[in-house]
C-alpha atoms as a PDB file:
ATOM      1  CA  MET A   1     -43.823  -7.523  34.373  1.00  0.00           C
ATOM      2  CA  HIS A   2     -46.157 -10.336  33.433  1.00  0.00           C
ATOM      3  CA  ILE A   3     -46.795 -13.220  35.835  1.00  0.00           C
ATOM      4  CA  GLN A   4     -48.626 -16.298  34.534  1.00  0.00           C
ATOM      5  CA  ILE A   5     -49.693 -19.201  36.739  1.00  0.00           C
ATOM      6  CA  ARG A   6     -51.482 -22.222  35.289  1.00  0.00           C
ATOM      7  CA  SER A   7     -52.518 -25.493  36.897  1.00  0.00           C
ATOM      8  CA  GLU A   8     -54.044 -28.767  35.743  1.00  0.00           C
ATOM      9  CA  GLU A   9     -57.358 -27.855  37.383  1.00  0.00           C
ATOM     10  CA  ASP A  10     -57.977 -25.084  34.806  1.00  0.00           C
ATOM     11  CA  LYS A  11     -57.050 -22.351  37.236  1.00  0.00           C
ATOM     12  CA  LYS A  12     -55.233 -19.575  35.429  1.00  0.00           C
ATOM     13  CA  ILE A  13     -53.848 -16.396  36.928  1.00  0.00           C
ATOM     14  CA  ASN A  14     -52.425 -13.629  34.751  1.00  0.00           C
ATOM     15  CA  LEU A  15     -51.011 -10.527  36.411  1.00  0.00           C
ATOM     16  CA  ARG A  16     -49.599  -7.531  34.599  1.00  0.00           C
ATOM     17  CA  LEU A  17     -47.594  -5.138  36.732  1.00  0.00           C
ATOM     18  CA  PRO A  18     -45.545  -2.132  35.654  1.00  0.00           C
ATOM     19  CA  ASN A  19     -41.793  -2.750  35.842  1.00  0.00           C
ATOM     20  CA  SER A  20     -41.402   0.480  37.755  1.00  0.00           C
ATOM     21  CA  LEU A  21     -43.357  -1.101  40.618  1.00  0.00           C
ATOM     22  CA  LEU A  22     -40.398  -3.413  41.309  1.00  0.00           C
ATOM     23  CA  THR A  23     -38.079  -0.531  42.064  1.00  0.00           C
ATOM     24  CA  SER A  24     -40.542   2.034  43.335  1.00  0.00           C
ATOM     25  CA  LYS A  25     -39.908   3.962  46.513  1.00  0.00           C
ATOM     26  CA  LEU A  26     -43.261   2.780  47.835  1.00  0.00           C
ATOM     27  CA  LEU A  27     -42.318  -0.890  47.560  1.00  0.00           C
ATOM     28  CA  LEU A  28     -38.905  -0.187  49.048  1.00  0.00           C
ATOM     29  CA  ARG A  29     -40.519   1.637  51.972  1.00  0.00           C
ATOM     30  CA  LEU A  30     -42.968  -1.200  52.564  1.00  0.00           C
ATOM     31  CA  ALA A  31     -40.237  -3.834  52.485  1.00  0.00           C
ATOM     32  CA  SER A  32     -37.795  -1.865  54.604  1.00  0.00           C
ATOM     33  CA  GLY A  33     -40.526  -0.914  57.080  1.00  0.00           C
ATOM     34  CA  ARG A  34     -41.362  -4.566  57.561  1.00  0.00           C
ATOM     35  CA  ILE A  35     -37.676  -5.399  58.018  1.00  0.00           C
ATOM     36  CA  SER A  36     -37.005  -2.492  60.390  1.00  0.00           C
ATOM     37  CA  ARG A  37     -39.539  -3.888  62.880  1.00  0.00           C
ATOM     38  CA  SER A  38     -37.201  -6.796  63.462  1.00  0.00           C
ATOM     39  CA  GLU A  39     -34.418  -6.338  65.951  1.00  0.00           C
ATOM     40  CA  ASP A  40     -32.266  -9.083  64.451  1.00  0.00           C
ATOM     41  CA  PRO A  41     -28.874  -7.690  63.289  1.00  0.00           C
ATOM     42  CA  GLU A  42     -28.895  -9.913  60.186  1.00  0.00           C
ATOM     43  CA  THR A  43     -32.248  -8.490  59.166  1.00  0.00           C
ATOM     44  CA  GLN A  44     -30.928  -4.964  59.589  1.00  0.00           C
ATOM     45  CA  LYS A  45     -27.966  -5.856  57.339  1.00  0.00           C
ATOM     46  CA  THR A  46     -30.448  -7.085  54.737  1.00  0.00           C
ATOM     47  CA  ARG A  47     -32.338  -3.776  54.904  1.00  0.00           C
ATOM     48  CA  THR A  48     -29.128  -1.794  54.439  1.00  0.00           C
ATOM     49  CA  MET A  49     -28.107  -3.980  51.505  1.00  0.00           C
ATOM     50  CA  MET A  50     -31.524  -3.510  49.851  1.00  0.00           C
ATOM     51  CA  MET A  51     -31.236   0.244  50.139  1.00  0.00           C
ATOM     52  CA  GLU A  52     -27.759   0.163  48.555  1.00  0.00           C
ATOM     53  CA  ILE A  53     -28.520  -2.118  45.594  1.00  0.00           C
ATOM     54  CA  MET A  54     -31.897  -0.619  44.614  1.00  0.00           C
ATOM     55  CA  PRO A  55     -30.474   2.055  42.234  1.00  0.00           C
ATOM     56  CA  ASP A  56     -28.326  -0.579  40.484  1.00  0.00           C
ATOM     57  CA  LEU A  57     -31.272  -2.953  40.265  1.00  0.00           C
ATOM     58  CA  LYS A  58     -33.447  -0.260  38.724  1.00  0.00           C
ATOM     59  CA  GLN A  59     -30.797   0.541  36.119  1.00  0.00           C
ATOM     60  CA  SER A  60     -30.217  -3.147  35.319  1.00  0.00           C
ATOM     61  CA  ILE A  61     -33.915  -3.752  34.761  1.00  0.00           C
ATOM     62  CA  ARG A  62     -34.136  -0.795  32.392  1.00  0.00           C
ATOM     63  CA  LYS A  63     -31.048  -1.841  30.403  1.00  0.00           C
ATOM     64  CA  THR A  64     -32.220  -5.451  30.122  1.00  0.00           C
ATOM     65  CA  LYS A  65     -35.689  -4.406  28.981  1.00  0.00           C
ATOM     66  CA  LYS A  66     -34.229  -1.994  26.423  1.00  0.00           C
ATOM     67  CA  LYS A  67     -31.715  -4.503  25.059  1.00  0.00           C
ATOM     68  CA  TYR A  68     -33.842  -7.668  24.976  1.00  0.00           C
ATOM     69  CA  GLY A  69     -37.441  -6.449  25.012  1.00  0.00           C
ATOM     70  CA  LYS A  70     -39.459  -9.311  26.459  1.00  0.00           C
ATOM     71  CA  PHE A  71     -37.165 -11.111  28.892  1.00  0.00           C
ATOM     72  CA  THR A  72     -38.123 -14.300  30.779  1.00  0.00           C
ATOM     73  CA  LEU A  73     -36.898 -14.215  34.371  1.00  0.00           C
ATOM     74  CA  VAL A  74     -38.409 -17.485  35.606  1.00  0.00           C
ATOM     75  CA  GLU A  75     -40.155 -20.383  33.922  1.00  0.00           C
ATOM     76  CA  VAL A  76     -40.954 -23.421  36.067  1.00  0.00           C
ATOM     77  CA  GLU A  77     -43.149 -26.442  35.512  1.00  0.00           C
ATOM     78  CA  SER A  78     -43.854 -28.832  38.382  1.00  0.00           C
ATOM     79  CA  GLN A  79     -44.634 -32.549  38.233  1.00  0.00           C
ATOM     80  CA  ASP A  80     -48.215 -31.709  39.185  1.00  0.00           C
ATOM     81  CA  GLY A  81     -48.639 -29.822  35.928  1.00  0.00           C
ATOM     82  CA  GLU A  82     -48.458 -26.353  37.428  1.00  0.00           C
ATOM     83  CA  HIS A  83     -46.664 -23.796  35.299  1.00  0.00           C
ATOM     84  CA  VAL A  84     -45.249 -20.444  36.450  1.00  0.00           C
ATOM     85  CA  LYS A  85     -43.694 -17.902  34.093  1.00  0.00           C
ATOM     86  CA  ILE A  86     -42.432 -14.415  34.985  1.00  0.00           C
ATOM     87  CA  THR A  87     -41.359 -12.076  32.193  1.00  0.00           C
ATOM     88  CA  LEU A  88     -40.238  -8.464  32.120  1.00  0.00           C
END
């Protein structure tokens, strides 16, 4: 995954992260651990849903990357001149 953030003030941020980080067990544990601290039933439903869809998400990311190569997930430009682009 490649995240690019540019602004008018010459601030540029480029982050390169492995795609496997998105669906790693570590990230899932961190996210679900944060959610499990909440006692809200809706939050608990969200945690359960995350745990269920993670294998499908992992497979979808792999198939998309294999089929299309570089794939742009988000590309946004604000009126202030800031530009954000996230690609797989």
